[in-house]
Each structure stands twice: as structure tokens, then as C-alpha cells.
Amino acid sequence: MARTRTTKKLAQRIDLNYFKRPTSLKRAKFWLSLWLPLLALIWIAWRGFSGDPRVYSSGRMSEPHAVLEKECAACHVQKAGAFSAKAADSACLDCHDGPPHHTAQTPTPACATCHSEHRGRINIAAASNQACAECHSNLRASRGATQYASHINSFEDGHPEFAALRFVAGLAPSDPGTIKLNHAIHMKPIRRGPNGPAVQLECGNCHHATAPDPDLTYADPKYRAATVSYKDTGEALSVRSEIPRASRGATGRELMAPVKFANACAACHLLTFDKRFDEGVPHDKPSVIHAFLVRTFREYIAAHPAEVRVPRDPSRGLTGKQLLPAVRILTPAKWVVERTVEAEDLLWRKTCKQCHTLMPFAGGSKRKIEMSIPLPGDAGEISVSAELPNVRPANTTRRWMPHAKFDHGAHDGFTCVSCHAKALTSTEASDILLPGIETCKRCHEPGLEYAESRCFECHTYHDWSKRKEVTPKFALPALRTGSR
């Protein structure tokens, strides 16, 4: 007879205490739950007795402060057996001075607000945009209104156009420099000198940073060796002294050196003054040029006395002027005076005026000078007066962005016209050829594929020219313990 299976009979075969039987997995779980907390307690106790507080640290410190990773008390104030959450400003100032940013700033943030530690081997001076935006997103000053943009969150959010390029009262900004230069002409093939070949100039032929040596392709050794009476500092506008100075020294590649005639212009722009001479006048003040002309013509006529017989030049006859005799016999002094007047008329009216702005002196008159010209032999001397113009100062701007730092050396991989594209079409010397903020944003944006764009990249917070010397108070752990 077949056996009948029912649910009740099958249920009676199941061991209801199966979960109480020991297994290898259960034994492993038991010992792990027992030993792991015990090992953790032993490790914490060992760290506590060894005096190493890194177990309580929130992360590794930056590279400059790495030596302090075991010295919590060096930065954090200890109260009731516990360390303060943030480092005290007094602890920071014990090692290095941090001069204030603006005296009108309110409130003044603590050091740890901008320079937060325990984030690994990072650049602690690289403050976050959030730290800067704490003040600059709604900028206020203790004296009331501020002259700066008041709502800047980052370079991409709220940063205004660079000050040098902003329109003021609807007027476009202009370069205060007085040297007349057409960049568009010089960026195209141009003839070198009156009869020279056509050449293609490069930006580097004239412009270079202050540290590297200038390009001397179009220089003149004679003018480079000459001593001039004017000073380079008098040709460029001074930089305002209240601008914060960075903590690190200058590399010499931040600013561009003023263009010098002897290095960049002399080979093409000849300062010739008379067909009798191949050399040009000095690139100097009008008084120096006048003395050079008088001396040069006086020495020439002494060596060529026959030239006091001056025939009339038909090509120089002008309508309305008195017709000179066919031949004139001049004294050497008179010959020197006439040649000097002719040369200066050419220089002041054409050669010098091509690049410089010539103005009368105060009062609307030209500067009069008296000079004595010795006569040949023992005939004495003759007194000659001359009227000289006033050359307006060059007013070259050396630093266009006084509230920001910039390094041309960091941009050596790019051509000049990549940023200064307006140089290709600029025809007026008053044009400011700086790149605008949109040009900078092409490379400086957030993201791994872009260059750094945080505020610290261009701006300096602390004015390190006002730093104070700090008396050292901290001893290195290796020196205290005598270990190496």
C-alpha cells in the first residue's frame, strides 16, 4: 500500500532549533565583534600614551605646516583638556606677520577663515572664492560707500571689466602716453629706413619683459653706448604706493620694459640732419641736440673753409621769399648759424615731431638759449641765440592693472597677438591695447581643463610692504628632543 505524505508529517521532520547550531560563519562573526572593538580601544590607548594627537586630527596639514602635524598646541588653544576647533590668530602671528588688507575693511576676518588647514598638502595661501565672497559679494566699508565693485562672487560671477578699459561718463579710456605710434603700420611689412628693404616686425623686436635682455635686431650700437641727459624713471608714470605688494619678490617678467629708441627704433628711424654727415643727432633733449649741431658744423667748416662760399640752391627758392644772390660769401660763424637753423627746422618740424609732441614752454614761448661760437684764428667769438621747443614727457604706463598681479613669463607659450589682438588694427597711440576680461576668461575658468581662476591668482590680500619682523617663539620638535 502506498505511503501517504501530508503537510503535517513533512513539518514534523524539520529541526526547529537549526539556528542554534554553531557554524564557522557564526564563530567568525562572534570573534570579530569581540576583538575589533578591543583592538580599537588598545590602539586609542596606545596613541594617547604616546602623546601623538594626530588620531584626533581632521586631516593632513599643508606642506609649509607639515612639521606641526604632531604639535596641536602650537596652533590650537587648549582649554579644559580639549583643543579649540579653530587655530587662534595669536598662534599664526607667533610665526609670521600677516599685515591687514584695508584699514576700512569691516569686519576683519580671522586667519583660519581664509586659510583653513587639515586639507592635505595644498597651497594654504590659495584662499577659496567663498572666503573672498564673504566680503566682496556685498562689500561695505567702515567709512560708508566704497569706490570698488560691491557684488563680486568670483571671476566668472560679478567681476567687472578691467578698470583701464572701462568707459567713464560715456567716454572711452585712452592711453596717457605721448609717443606717436601706429601699431597697425608696424605690424605689416614696412620699409626699413628711407631706402632700406621691407621687413616684417615682430612684437618682441620692440617689447620685452624687464628681466630678459632686449631684442637688438633693430638697435644701433652707437645710440646704445651714448649717455643721455634724461632719466628712464622720468619717462614712465609712477605706480601708486598704496597698492598691496605680494609676499614673494618680483621675477622681472611681470611688467614690460619701456621701449627705448636705441634698442628698437634707431636702425629704422634715422635722425640725420644734413647731407654732409652720415651720423644722426643724439636722441636727447633739444638743448643737447642744439649744442651737438653747433659743435658739429663748427668742426666741419674749420676742416672745409672753402664752403663759406655758398651758391644759391634753385630747389629751395620759395614764392614770396626774397631771392638770395647766386653766390654768398659767409663768415664761418654765420655759416654755422645758418646750417644750425636749417637742421633744427628739419628736426623740430618733421623728424622729432613724427614721434614726439613738441610744445612751447610755460607762457607760450619757446626756450631761448645763448651760445658763443669761436671764430677761426684769434678773431674772437660770436654770440648766437636759439629758440628750442619743449618735448612733452613720454608718460609711458608701466603697470596698467595696479590692483592685480600678472606674470608675462607664465604666458610665454602664447603669441602676443593672442591676447593683444587690437594691436593689429590700432592706428592711434591713444588706443589701450590691453586684453579685456573676456579674453582672460577663454583660459581662466573653473574646471580641470582650464587655468586657475580663483581670486588669489591675480589679487593680493595682505600688503607685505607693511609686514613686521616676528620674534620666533616655536622650537622644532626635532630640536627639542635632540633627534634627527
Protein backbone atom coordinates (compact mmCIF):
# COMPACT_ATOMS: atom_id res chain seq x y z
CA MET A 1 0.00 0.00 0.00
CA ALA A 2 1.45 3.41 -0.95
CA ARG A 3 2.59 5.78 1.83
CA THR A 4 0.58 8.92 2.16
CA ARG A 5 2.53 12.23 2.66
CA THR A 6 0.82 15.14 4.28
CA THR A 7 1.99 18.62 5.18
CA LYS A 8 1.76 17.81 8.83
CA LYS A 9 4.02 14.79 8.50
CA LEU A 10 6.60 16.77 6.49
CA ALA A 11 6.65 19.59 9.09
CA GLN A 12 7.47 17.10 11.83
CA ARG A 13 10.77 16.26 10.05
CA ILE A 14 12.10 19.91 10.24
CA ASP A 15 14.52 20.74 13.11
CA LEU A 16 13.12 23.87 14.64
CA ASN A 17 16.37 24.62 16.51
CA TYR A 18 18.60 24.74 13.40
CA PHE A 19 19.58 28.40 14.04
CA LYS A 20 21.06 27.46 17.40
CA ARG A 21 23.63 25.12 15.91
CA PRO A 22 27.17 26.66 15.74
CA THR A 23 28.74 27.31 12.29
CA SER A 24 32.11 28.67 11.07
CA LEU A 25 30.50 31.90 9.93
CA LYS A 26 28.83 32.44 13.28
CA ARG A 27 32.05 31.81 15.11
CA ALA A 28 33.93 34.32 12.87
CA LYS A 29 31.31 36.99 13.45
CA PHE A 30 31.47 36.45 17.20
CA TRP A 31 35.23 36.80 17.46
CA LEU A 32 35.33 39.78 15.11
CA SER A 33 32.69 41.61 17.16
CA LEU A 34 34.75 40.87 20.23
CA TRP A 35 38.29 41.60 19.01
CA LEU A 36 37.77 44.61 16.75
CA PRO A 37 36.41 46.93 19.49
CA LEU A 38 39.09 45.62 21.80
CA LEU A 39 41.82 46.36 19.26
CA ALA A 40 40.38 49.81 18.66
CA LEU A 41 40.47 50.55 22.39
CA ILE A 42 44.05 49.30 22.63
CA TRP A 43 45.10 51.45 19.62
CA ILE A 44 43.45 54.60 21.06
CA ALA A 45 45.07 53.98 24.46
CA TRP A 46 48.47 53.45 22.81
CA ARG A 47 48.12 56.68 20.80
CA GLY A 48 47.06 58.51 23.94
CA PHE A 49 50.05 57.33 25.98
CA SER A 50 52.46 58.08 23.10
CA GLY A 51 51.31 61.73 23.03
CA ASP A 52 50.54 61.71 19.29
CA PRO A 53 47.36 63.81 18.77
CA ARG A 54 47.04 63.06 15.05
CA VAL A 55 44.39 60.49 15.84
CA TYR A 56 42.08 63.39 16.67
CA SER A 57 43.06 65.46 13.59
CA SER A 58 40.61 66.08 10.79
CA GLY A 59 43.27 65.59 8.09
CA ARG A 60 46.85 66.20 6.99
CA MET A 61 48.29 69.70 7.07
CA SER A 62 49.65 71.77 4.22
CA GLU A 63 53.29 71.40 3.21
CA PRO A 64 54.56 74.56 5.00
CA HIS A 65 52.95 73.37 8.26
CA ALA A 66 53.66 69.64 7.88
CA VAL A 67 56.25 69.77 10.66
CA LEU A 68 53.48 70.78 13.08
CA GLU A 69 51.23 67.76 12.50
CA LYS A 70 52.10 66.36 15.94
CA GLU A 71 52.03 69.76 17.64
CA CYS A 72 48.36 70.64 18.02
CA ALA A 73 49.12 73.01 20.89
CA ALA A 74 51.25 75.16 18.59
CA CYS A 75 48.14 76.45 16.82
CA HIS A 76 45.10 75.39 18.86
CA VAL A 77 44.39 76.77 22.33
CA GLN A 78 43.97 74.04 24.94
CA LYS A 79 41.18 74.53 27.48
CA ALA A 80 39.84 72.00 29.97
CA GLY A 81 41.83 69.22 28.36
CA ALA A 82 40.48 69.94 24.86
CA PHE A 83 41.77 71.91 21.89
CA SER A 84 39.86 74.78 20.30
CA ALA A 85 38.19 73.97 17.00
CA LYS A 86 39.98 76.74 15.08
CA ALA A 87 43.53 77.97 15.31
CA ALA A 88 43.90 81.25 17.17
CA ASP A 89 45.15 84.34 15.30
CA SER A 90 47.77 84.86 18.00
CA ALA A 91 49.23 81.43 17.18
CA CYS A 92 49.54 82.37 13.50
CA LEU A 93 51.18 85.70 14.33
CA ASP A 94 53.71 83.97 16.57
CA CYS A 95 55.41 82.59 13.46
CA HIS A 96 54.70 85.11 10.71
CA ASP A 97 53.11 88.50 10.44
CA GLY A 98 50.01 88.93 8.31
CA PRO A 99 49.58 92.65 7.57
CA PRO A 100 45.98 93.84 7.20
CA HIS A 101 44.34 94.26 3.81
CA HIS A 102 42.36 97.51 4.03
CA THR A 103 42.04 99.70 7.10
CA ALA A 104 38.45 100.41 6.07
CA GLN A 105 37.51 96.73 5.98
CA THR A 106 34.75 95.67 8.35
CA PRO A 107 34.82 93.18 9.93
CA THR A 108 38.39 91.86 9.80
CA PRO A 109 38.29 88.05 9.30
CA ALA A 110 40.31 85.60 11.35
CA CYS A 111 43.31 83.90 9.74
CA ALA A 112 41.60 80.50 9.68
CA THR A 113 38.61 81.95 7.84
CA CYS A 114 40.60 82.19 4.62
CA HIS A 115 43.47 79.80 5.33
CA SER A 116 41.88 76.58 6.51
CA GLU A 117 44.20 73.70 7.39
CA HIS A 118 43.93 69.89 7.51
CA ARG A 119 43.04 69.61 3.83
CA GLY A 120 46.16 67.76 2.76
CA ARG A 121 49.28 69.01 1.02
CA ILE A 122 47.66 72.04 -0.57
CA ASN A 123 48.73 75.66 -1.05
CA ILE A 124 47.34 77.26 2.08
CA ALA A 125 47.78 80.75 0.62
CA ALA A 126 45.27 79.83 -2.10
CA ALA A 127 42.12 81.07 -0.40
CA SER A 128 38.80 79.85 -1.74
CA ASN A 129 36.45 82.09 -3.68
CA GLN A 130 33.90 81.61 -0.92
CA ALA A 131 36.29 83.22 1.56
CA CYS A 132 36.68 86.28 -0.68
CA ALA A 133 32.96 86.43 -1.42
CA GLU A 134 32.22 86.71 2.31
CA CYS A 135 33.12 90.38 1.93
CA HIS A 136 33.12 91.13 -1.79
CA SER A 137 29.69 89.73 -2.58
CA ASN A 138 28.28 92.62 -0.53
CA LEU A 139 31.20 94.95 0.00
CA ARG A 140 30.90 97.52 2.75
CA ALA A 141 33.47 99.84 4.28
CA SER A 142 33.72 101.43 7.68
CA ARG A 143 33.68 104.89 6.07
CA GLY A 144 30.49 104.23 4.14
CA ALA A 145 30.39 103.91 0.33
CA THR A 146 33.20 102.15 -1.50
CA GLN A 147 34.71 103.06 -4.87
CA TYR A 148 35.09 99.41 -5.86
CA ALA A 149 32.59 96.93 -7.31
CA SER A 150 30.37 95.77 -4.45
CA HIS A 151 28.93 92.45 -5.67
CA ILE A 152 31.68 90.09 -6.83
CA ASN A 153 31.33 86.37 -6.14
CA SER A 154 34.08 85.10 -8.43
CA PHE A 155 35.97 85.88 -11.62
CA GLU A 156 33.07 84.44 -13.58
CA ASP A 157 30.29 85.92 -11.45
CA GLY A 158 30.14 89.67 -10.97
CA HIS A 159 33.74 90.66 -11.76
CA PRO A 160 33.66 93.96 -13.72
CA GLU A 161 35.69 94.83 -16.78
CA PHE A 162 39.28 95.83 -16.00
CA ALA A 163 39.46 99.43 -14.80
CA ALA A 164 41.85 100.52 -17.56
CA LEU A 165 39.25 99.56 -20.20
CA ARG A 166 36.06 100.87 -18.60
CA PHE A 167 34.12 103.73 -20.12
CA VAL A 168 33.77 106.76 -17.82
CA ALA A 169 30.76 109.04 -18.38
CA GLY A 170 30.36 107.51 -21.83
CA LEU A 171 33.95 108.30 -22.83
CA ALA A 172 36.33 105.59 -23.96
CA PRO A 173 39.56 105.25 -21.98
CA SER A 174 42.74 106.50 -23.61
CA ASP A 175 46.46 105.96 -23.20
CA PRO A 176 48.11 108.97 -21.47
CA GLY A 177 51.35 108.31 -23.36
CA THR A 178 52.50 111.00 -25.77
CA ILE A 179 54.71 108.95 -28.12
CA LYS A 180 53.01 108.81 -31.52
CA LEU A 181 52.88 105.26 -32.83
CA ASN A 182 50.73 103.48 -35.39
CA HIS A 183 50.77 99.81 -34.41
CA ALA A 184 48.84 98.71 -37.49
CA ILE A 185 51.58 100.01 -39.80
CA HIS A 186 54.35 98.40 -37.78
CA MET A 187 52.58 95.02 -37.74
CA LYS A 188 52.65 94.86 -41.55
CA PRO A 189 55.71 94.61 -43.84
CA ILE A 190 57.35 98.02 -43.59
CA ARG A 191 60.36 99.64 -45.22
CA ARG A 192 63.45 99.81 -43.03
CA GLY A 193 64.70 103.37 -43.34
CA PRO A 194 64.25 105.71 -46.33
CA ASN A 195 65.99 103.37 -48.79
CA GLY A 196 66.12 100.11 -46.86
CA PRO A 197 64.45 96.77 -47.58
CA ALA A 198 60.95 95.83 -46.42
CA VAL A 199 60.90 93.85 -43.17
CA GLN A 200 58.24 92.13 -41.06
CA LEU A 201 58.48 93.28 -37.46
CA GLU A 202 57.63 91.03 -34.53
CA CYS A 203 56.21 92.25 -31.22
CA GLY A 204 59.35 91.05 -29.45
CA ASN A 205 61.54 93.34 -31.56
CA CYS A 206 60.28 96.28 -29.50
CA HIS A 207 58.56 94.87 -26.42
CA HIS A 208 60.12 92.65 -23.77
CA ALA A 209 59.74 91.99 -20.05
CA THR A 210 62.05 93.80 -17.65
CA ALA A 211 64.17 90.73 -16.81
CA PRO A 212 65.22 89.37 -20.26
CA ASP A 213 67.65 91.25 -22.46
CA PRO A 214 66.05 93.28 -25.27
CA ASP A 215 65.96 92.13 -28.87
CA LEU A 216 68.62 94.16 -30.68
CA THR A 217 67.65 93.30 -34.26
CA TYR A 218 66.81 96.93 -34.97
CA ALA A 219 69.14 98.55 -32.45
CA ASP A 220 72.03 100.93 -33.11
CA PRO A 221 75.24 100.26 -31.13
CA LYS A 222 76.22 103.94 -31.25
CA TYR A 223 72.98 105.10 -29.66
CA ARG A 224 73.08 102.25 -27.12
CA ALA A 225 76.53 103.34 -25.99
CA ALA A 226 75.62 107.02 -25.82
CA THR A 227 74.92 108.72 -22.49
CA VAL A 228 71.67 110.68 -22.37
CA SER A 229 70.72 113.56 -20.08
CA TYR A 230 67.20 112.34 -19.32
CA LYS A 231 66.36 109.53 -16.88
CA ASP A 232 64.31 106.43 -17.64
CA THR A 233 62.28 107.00 -14.48
CA GLY A 234 61.22 110.38 -15.77
CA GLU A 235 59.75 108.86 -18.95
CA ALA A 236 57.31 106.44 -17.25
CA LEU A 237 54.39 107.12 -14.95
CA SER A 238 55.00 106.10 -11.35
CA VAL A 239 52.99 103.31 -9.72
CA ARG A 240 50.80 104.32 -6.80
CA SER A 241 52.44 103.48 -3.47
CA GLU A 242 49.29 102.27 -1.70
CA ILE A 243 48.96 99.18 -3.88
CA PRO A 244 49.44 95.97 -1.83
CA ARG A 245 52.72 94.24 -2.53
CA ALA A 246 52.90 90.46 -2.86
CA SER A 247 54.79 88.37 -0.32
CA ARG A 248 57.16 86.91 -2.92
CA GLY A 249 59.69 89.01 -4.77
CA ALA A 250 59.26 90.04 -8.38
CA THR A 251 60.58 87.73 -11.09
CA GLY A 252 61.20 90.54 -13.57
CA ARG A 253 58.69 89.11 -16.04
CA GLU A 254 55.55 90.75 -14.67
CA LEU A 255 55.83 94.14 -16.38
CA MET A 256 57.00 95.14 -19.81
CA ALA A 257 60.05 97.38 -20.05
CA PRO A 258 59.52 100.77 -21.73
CA VAL A 259 60.57 100.76 -25.37
CA LYS A 260 63.89 102.54 -25.91
CA PHE A 261 64.81 104.34 -29.11
CA ALA A 262 68.37 102.95 -29.09
CA ASN A 263 67.18 99.33 -28.81
CA ALA A 264 64.13 99.22 -31.07
CA CYS A 265 63.85 102.32 -33.28
CA ALA A 266 67.30 103.64 -34.18
CA ALA A 267 68.01 101.23 -37.03
CA CYS A 268 64.94 102.36 -38.99
CA HIS A 269 64.21 105.89 -37.77
CA LEU A 270 67.36 107.81 -38.70
CA LEU A 271 68.00 111.16 -37.03
CA THR A 272 70.04 112.55 -39.91
CA PHE A 273 70.10 116.34 -40.21
CA ASP A 274 72.40 117.26 -43.11
CA LYS A 275 73.59 115.56 -46.30
CA ARG A 276 77.22 116.25 -45.35
CA PHE A 277 77.02 113.76 -42.45
CA ASP A 278 76.06 110.10 -42.21
CA GLU A 279 75.51 110.20 -38.45
CA GLY A 280 72.36 111.48 -36.76
CA VAL A 281 71.80 113.84 -33.87
CA PRO A 282 71.66 112.44 -30.31
CA HIS A 283 68.32 111.15 -29.10
CA ASP A 284 68.23 113.66 -26.27
CA LYS A 285 66.84 116.99 -25.11
CA PRO A 286 66.64 119.89 -27.62
CA SER A 287 69.39 121.77 -25.78
CA VAL A 288 71.74 118.79 -26.16
CA ILE A 289 70.84 118.46 -29.84
CA HIS A 290 71.47 122.19 -30.40
CA ALA A 291 74.90 122.00 -28.78
CA PHE A 292 75.72 118.95 -30.91
CA LEU A 293 74.73 120.74 -34.14
CA VAL A 294 76.75 123.83 -33.35
CA ARG A 295 79.82 121.80 -32.45
CA THR A 296 79.50 119.53 -35.50
CA PHE A 297 79.08 122.36 -38.00
CA ARG A 298 81.86 124.38 -36.39
CA GLU A 299 84.30 121.48 -36.68
CA TYR A 300 83.21 120.86 -40.26
CA ILE A 301 83.69 124.41 -41.51
CA ALA A 302 87.07 124.55 -39.81
CA ALA A 303 88.09 121.50 -41.87
CA HIS A 304 86.39 122.75 -45.07
CA PRO A 305 86.86 126.56 -45.14
CA ALA A 306 86.01 126.76 -48.86
CA GLU A 307 82.38 126.03 -48.13
CA VAL A 308 81.82 129.52 -46.73
CA ARG A 309 81.15 130.32 -50.42
CA VAL A 310 77.51 129.28 -50.61
CA PRO A 311 75.84 129.07 -54.07
CA ARG A 312 72.11 129.54 -54.31
CA ASP A 313 70.14 126.30 -54.42
CA PRO A 314 67.36 126.68 -57.03
CA SER A 315 65.32 123.92 -55.43
CA ARG A 316 65.00 125.90 -52.19
CA GLY A 317 63.50 129.02 -53.75
CA LEU A 318 60.01 129.65 -52.38
CA THR A 319 57.36 132.01 -53.74
CA GLY A 320 57.01 135.11 -51.62
CA LYS A 321 60.52 134.93 -50.19
CA GLN A 322 63.38 137.22 -51.06
CA LEU A 323 65.58 135.79 -53.78
CA LEU A 324 69.11 135.30 -52.48
CA PRO A 325 72.19 136.17 -54.54
CA ALA A 326 73.64 133.50 -56.81
CA VAL A 327 76.67 133.20 -54.54
CA ARG A 328 77.11 134.39 -50.96
CA ILE A 329 80.34 134.64 -49.07
CA LEU A 330 79.67 134.00 -45.36
CA THR A 331 81.82 134.20 -42.31
CA PRO A 332 82.41 130.83 -40.61
CA ALA A 333 80.23 131.86 -37.67
CA LYS A 334 77.40 132.96 -39.99
CA TRP A 335 77.72 129.70 -41.92
CA VAL A 336 77.43 127.70 -38.69
CA VAL A 337 74.36 129.69 -37.65
CA GLU A 338 72.56 129.17 -40.96
CA ARG A 339 73.30 125.44 -41.10
CA THR A 340 72.17 125.01 -37.49
CA VAL A 341 68.90 126.85 -38.16
CA GLU A 342 68.22 124.73 -41.24
CA ALA A 343 68.97 121.46 -39.42
CA GLU A 344 66.80 122.39 -36.43
CA ASP A 345 63.96 123.42 -38.69
CA LEU A 346 64.07 119.94 -40.27
CA LEU A 347 64.27 118.20 -36.88
CA TRP A 348 61.61 120.17 -35.00
CA ARG A 349 59.18 120.35 -37.92
CA LYS A 350 59.47 116.78 -39.23
CA THR A 351 61.91 114.27 -37.74
CA CYS A 352 61.30 114.71 -34.00
CA LYS A 353 57.67 115.69 -34.45
CA GLN A 354 56.99 112.38 -36.17
CA CYS A 355 57.07 110.61 -32.79
CA HIS A 356 57.18 113.31 -30.11
CA THR A 357 54.78 116.06 -29.08
CA LEU A 358 56.61 119.40 -29.18
CA MET A 359 55.11 122.24 -27.18
CA PRO A 360 56.11 125.79 -26.19
CA PHE A 361 57.30 126.37 -22.65
CA ALA A 362 55.13 127.95 -19.96
CA GLY A 363 53.88 131.31 -21.14
CA GLY A 364 53.51 130.20 -24.75
CA SER A 365 57.05 131.00 -25.82
CA LYS A 366 59.92 128.81 -26.88
CA ARG A 367 63.02 128.42 -24.76
CA LYS A 368 65.78 130.83 -25.74
CA ILE A 369 69.39 129.93 -25.14
CA GLU A 370 72.58 131.88 -25.83
CA MET A 371 75.73 130.23 -27.18
CA SER A 372 79.15 131.59 -28.12
CA ILE A 373 80.76 130.33 -31.35
CA PRO A 374 84.55 130.83 -31.56
CA LEU A 375 85.79 132.39 -34.80
CA PRO A 376 88.79 130.95 -36.72
CA GLY A 377 92.19 132.08 -35.55
CA ASP A 378 92.21 134.88 -32.99
CA ALA A 379 89.16 136.68 -34.36
CA GLY A 380 87.24 136.19 -31.11
CA GLU A 381 83.76 134.71 -30.92
CA ILE A 382 80.17 135.49 -31.87
CA SER A 383 77.12 135.15 -29.61
CA VAL A 384 74.19 133.20 -31.08
CA SER A 385 70.67 132.79 -29.66
CA ALA A 386 68.37 129.89 -30.47
CA GLU A 387 64.74 129.07 -29.72
CA LEU A 388 64.17 125.48 -28.64
CA PRO A 389 60.86 123.64 -28.25
CA ASN A 390 59.69 121.75 -25.20
CA VAL A 391 59.34 117.97 -25.64
CA ARG A 392 56.35 116.64 -23.78
CA PRO A 393 57.19 113.75 -21.35
CA ALA A 394 56.53 110.28 -22.75
CA ASN A 395 54.18 109.32 -19.86
CA THR A 396 54.63 105.61 -20.52
CA THR A 397 52.35 103.47 -18.34
CA ARG A 398 54.34 100.59 -16.87
CA ARG A 399 51.56 99.00 -14.83
CA TRP A 400 48.07 99.10 -16.25
CA MET A 401 46.42 96.92 -13.59
CA PRO A 402 47.69 98.28 -10.27
CA HIS A 403 45.23 96.26 -8.18
CA ALA A 404 46.17 92.92 -9.75
CA LYS A 405 49.31 90.88 -10.36
CA PHE A 406 50.25 89.42 -13.72
CA ASP A 407 53.25 87.49 -14.99
CA HIS A 408 54.11 87.60 -18.69
CA GLY A 409 56.53 84.74 -18.08
CA ALA A 410 53.65 82.40 -17.31
CA HIS A 411 52.17 83.18 -20.74
CA ASP A 412 55.31 82.67 -22.84
CA GLY A 413 53.66 79.82 -24.73
CA PHE A 414 51.20 82.17 -26.43
CA THR A 415 51.84 84.73 -29.16
CA CYS A 416 51.46 88.38 -28.19
CA VAL A 417 48.54 88.95 -30.56
CA SER A 418 46.65 86.05 -28.95
CA CYS A 419 45.84 88.47 -26.15
CA HIS A 420 46.70 91.86 -27.67
CA ALA A 421 44.71 91.38 -30.87
CA LYS A 422 43.85 95.08 -31.10
CA ALA A 423 47.50 95.84 -31.96
CA LEU A 424 46.84 94.52 -35.49
CA THR A 425 44.32 97.26 -36.25
CA SER A 426 45.24 100.13 -33.90
CA THR A 427 46.18 103.34 -35.73
CA GLU A 428 46.13 105.78 -32.79
CA ALA A 429 48.69 105.99 -29.99
CA SER A 430 45.85 106.76 -27.57
CA ASP A 431 44.39 103.25 -28.01
CA ILE A 432 44.74 100.98 -24.98
CA LEU A 433 45.75 97.59 -26.35
CA LEU A 434 45.19 95.55 -23.18
CA PRO A 435 43.09 92.38 -23.44
CA GLY A 436 39.67 92.63 -21.84
CA ILE A 437 38.21 90.32 -19.22
CA GLU A 438 36.52 88.16 -21.86
CA THR A 439 39.94 87.36 -23.37
CA CYS A 440 41.19 86.14 -20.00
CA LYS A 441 38.07 84.04 -19.45
CA ARG A 442 38.90 81.95 -22.52
CA CYS A 443 41.59 80.22 -20.46
CA HIS A 444 40.78 81.06 -16.84
CA GLU A 445 37.59 79.20 -15.95
CA PRO A 446 36.64 76.63 -13.31
CA GLY A 447 37.43 73.06 -14.27
CA LEU A 448 40.40 70.77 -14.78
CA GLU A 449 40.71 71.67 -18.46
CA TYR A 450 41.15 75.40 -17.69
CA ALA A 451 43.79 77.51 -15.97
CA GLU A 452 43.34 78.62 -12.35
CA SER A 453 40.68 81.31 -11.96
CA ARG A 454 40.37 81.79 -8.20
CA CYS A 455 40.75 85.29 -6.78
CA PHE A 456 44.20 84.71 -5.30
CA GLU A 457 45.62 84.05 -8.78
CA CYS A 458 45.50 87.76 -9.63
CA HIS A 459 44.88 89.61 -6.38
CA THR A 460 46.95 90.12 -3.25
CA TYR A 461 45.15 90.41 0.07
CA HIS A 462 47.90 91.26 2.57
CA ASP A 463 50.14 94.25 1.92
CA TRP A 464 53.51 92.67 2.62
CA SER A 465 55.31 96.01 2.39
CA LYS A 466 53.82 96.68 5.85
CA ARG A 467 54.92 93.44 7.43
CA LYS A 468 56.64 93.41 10.81
CA GLU A 469 59.52 91.31 11.98
CA VAL A 470 58.37 88.48 14.26
CA THR A 471 60.40 87.20 17.21
CA PRO A 472 60.48 83.37 16.90
CA LYS A 473 58.71 81.53 19.74
CA PHE A 474 58.39 77.99 18.42
CA ALA A 475 61.10 75.31 18.56
CA LEU A 476 61.07 72.43 16.09
CA PRO A 477 60.22 69.08 17.67
CA ALA A 478 63.48 67.56 16.40
CA LEU A 479 65.44 70.27 18.20
CA ARG A 480 63.58 69.78 21.45
CA THR A 481 64.07 66.01 21.52
CA GLY A 482 67.56 66.02 20.08
CA SER A 483 66.53 63.58 17.32
CA ARG A 484 67.13 63.93 13.62
